[in-house]
Structures are given as C-alpha cells and as structure tokens.
C-alpha cells in the first residue's frame, strides 16, 4: 500500500510549511488534488493520513480530496478528450494511439486550513 508513503510525505511537507514560530499550530483541513491516473485509492490515503498524522500538527485534520479527471490530446489530429478508462488511449477521431496525457496524474497539496 503505497498510500502510507504518500501520506507520510504529505504530513512532512505540510508540517514544514507551518510557521516555525507557531509551535502550537494545528491543521484543521488539508486540501489535495489527485488525478484519476495517480494510482491512489482515496479511502486508503485518508486512512493512512490518520496514522501518519498521529502526534503531528495534522492529527485529526480533515482530508479534502478533489479528483482530477484524465484529459488526453491526440498528437496526430489535435483532438482533446476525456477517456472513460485508463488506456490505451485511442483517438476517437483518427484512431491514433499517439496520445499525450494533459491531466490526471497529479498529486498536489493545494492548501491547508490552520486553526486560529
């Protein structure tokens, strides 16, 4: 379950982003954007965040995950589309397999809500 490693990295990055002078800072919500092709199971990540956040400023924080759809562009005809599955990506216009992924692989910490 690679979600535990991802959760640990998120907790580390979020903790490093908090002001060092505010020793009592507590994160209430962490906002993530995760692409459909990132290979992350949202429920597993949320569970792993609970474990990884123990005894840190993120303990008890709500994890808000926005899923980013997959968008693909055909390099041959230029058509952009949102495929229903995860490849191979066949252009619905020209049947080419020469496609590039524009979005859907992201895994980003967007923001945090810190308690006053």
Protein backbone atom coordinates (compact mmCIF):
# COMPACT_ATOMS: atom_id res chain seq x y z
CA UNK A 1 0.00 0.00 0.00
CA UNK A 2 1.97 3.00 -1.29
CA UNK A 3 -0.64 5.35 0.16
CA UNK A 4 1.21 5.17 3.51
CA UNK A 5 4.36 6.58 1.91
CA UNK A 6 2.34 9.28 0.21
CA UNK A 7 0.59 10.15 3.48
CA UNK A 8 3.94 10.38 5.30
CA UNK A 9 5.29 12.75 2.63
CA UNK A 10 2.16 14.91 2.79
CA UNK A 11 2.40 15.16 6.58
CA UNK A 12 6.10 16.04 6.34
CA UNK A 13 5.55 18.69 3.66
CA UNK A 14 2.56 20.20 5.44
CA UNK A 15 4.42 20.32 8.75
CA UNK A 16 7.37 22.04 7.08
CA UNK A 17 5.02 24.67 5.62
CA UNK A 18 3.76 25.74 9.05
CA UNK A 19 5.39 28.82 10.63
CA UNK A 20 8.27 27.62 12.84
CA UNK A 21 7.47 30.27 15.46
CA UNK A 22 3.96 28.87 15.95
CA UNK A 23 4.70 25.70 17.91
CA UNK A 24 1.00 25.13 18.68
CA UNK A 25 -0.22 25.36 15.07
CA UNK A 26 -2.87 22.79 14.22
CA UNK A 27 -4.12 21.94 10.75
CA UNK A 28 -7.91 21.55 10.57
CA UNK A 29 -8.20 20.61 6.88
CA UNK A 30 -5.73 19.69 4.18
CA UNK A 31 -6.85 20.09 0.57
CA UNK A 32 -5.43 17.73 -2.06
CA UNK A 33 -5.86 17.37 -5.82
CA UNK A 34 -5.30 13.84 -7.07
CA UNK A 35 -5.53 12.71 -10.67
CA UNK A 36 -7.55 9.64 -11.59
CA UNK A 37 -4.39 8.04 -13.00
CA UNK A 38 -2.21 8.75 -9.97
CA UNK A 39 -2.92 5.26 -8.69
CA UNK A 40 -4.11 6.49 -5.31
CA UNK A 41 -7.13 4.98 -3.58
CA UNK A 42 -8.76 7.90 -1.79
CA UNK A 43 -10.12 5.80 1.08
CA UNK A 44 -6.70 4.22 1.71
CA UNK A 45 -4.98 7.60 1.63
CA UNK A 46 -7.46 9.05 4.11
CA UNK A 47 -6.92 6.08 6.44
CA UNK A 48 -3.14 6.34 6.10
CA UNK A 49 -3.26 10.08 6.77
CA UNK A 50 -4.88 9.36 10.14
CA UNK A 51 -2.00 7.08 11.06
CA UNK A 52 0.79 9.25 9.62
CA UNK A 53 -0.58 12.40 11.27
CA UNK A 54 -0.54 10.99 14.83
CA UNK A 55 1.33 13.33 17.19
CA UNK A 56 1.81 15.97 14.49
CA UNK A 57 0.05 19.29 13.79
CA UNK A 58 -2.13 17.38 11.28
CA UNK A 59 -3.57 14.95 13.81
CA UNK A 60 -7.36 14.95 13.44
CA UNK A 61 -7.27 17.07 10.27
CA UNK A 62 -9.97 16.54 7.67
CA UNK A 63 -8.58 15.38 4.31
CA UNK A 64 -10.39 17.00 1.38
CA UNK A 65 -9.58 15.31 -1.94
CA UNK A 66 -10.60 16.74 -5.32
CA UNK A 67 -10.27 14.17 -8.09
CA UNK A 68 -8.79 15.46 -11.35
CA UNK A 69 -10.17 13.78 -14.49
CA UNK A 70 -7.93 12.37 -17.19
CA UNK A 71 -7.62 14.58 -20.25
CA UNK A 72 -5.75 13.43 -23.33
CA UNK A 73 -4.70 15.07 -26.61
CA UNK A 74 -4.06 13.24 -29.86
CA UNK A 75 -0.64 14.21 -31.20
CA UNK A 76 -1.75 13.39 -34.73
CA UNK A 77 -5.05 15.28 -35.13
CA UNK A 78 -5.06 17.51 -32.02
CA UNK A 79 -8.36 16.28 -30.57
CA UNK A 80 -8.63 16.61 -26.79
CA UNK A 81 -10.95 14.26 -24.89
CA UNK A 82 -11.67 12.70 -21.53
CA UNK A 83 -11.31 8.94 -21.94
CA UNK A 84 -13.63 6.64 -20.00
CA UNK A 85 -10.82 4.32 -18.85
CA UNK A 86 -7.10 4.26 -18.21
CA UNK A 87 -5.64 3.49 -21.61
CA UNK A 88 -4.58 2.60 -24.04
CA UNK A 89 -5.85 5.90 -25.34
CA UNK A 90 -7.23 5.58 -28.86
CA UNK A 91 -8.26 8.82 -30.50
CA UNK A 92 -11.99 8.73 -31.19
CA UNK A 93 -11.47 10.90 -34.30
CA UNK A 94 -8.49 9.33 -36.12
CA UNK A 95 -7.95 6.06 -34.18
CA UNK A 96 -4.32 7.01 -33.45
CA UNK A 97 -2.54 5.67 -30.36
CA UNK A 98 -0.22 8.69 -30.36
CA UNK A 99 -1.73 10.49 -27.38
CA UNK A 100 -0.33 12.64 -24.60
CA UNK A 101 -1.82 12.92 -21.13
CA UNK A 102 -2.67 16.54 -20.27
CA UNK A 103 -4.04 15.91 -16.79
CA UNK A 104 -4.91 13.09 -14.45
CA UNK A 105 -1.51 12.18 -12.97
CA UNK A 106 -1.43 14.97 -10.38
CA UNK A 107 -0.94 14.55 -6.67
CA UNK A 108 -0.77 18.01 -5.13
CA UNK A 109 -1.23 19.58 -1.72
CA UNK A 110 -3.28 22.63 -2.64
CA UNK A 111 -3.78 24.32 0.71
CA UNK A 112 -4.29 23.86 4.45
CA UNK A 113 -6.72 25.41 6.87
CA UNK A 114 -4.87 26.19 10.09
CA UNK A 115 -6.72 26.75 13.37
CA UNK A 116 -6.51 30.25 14.84
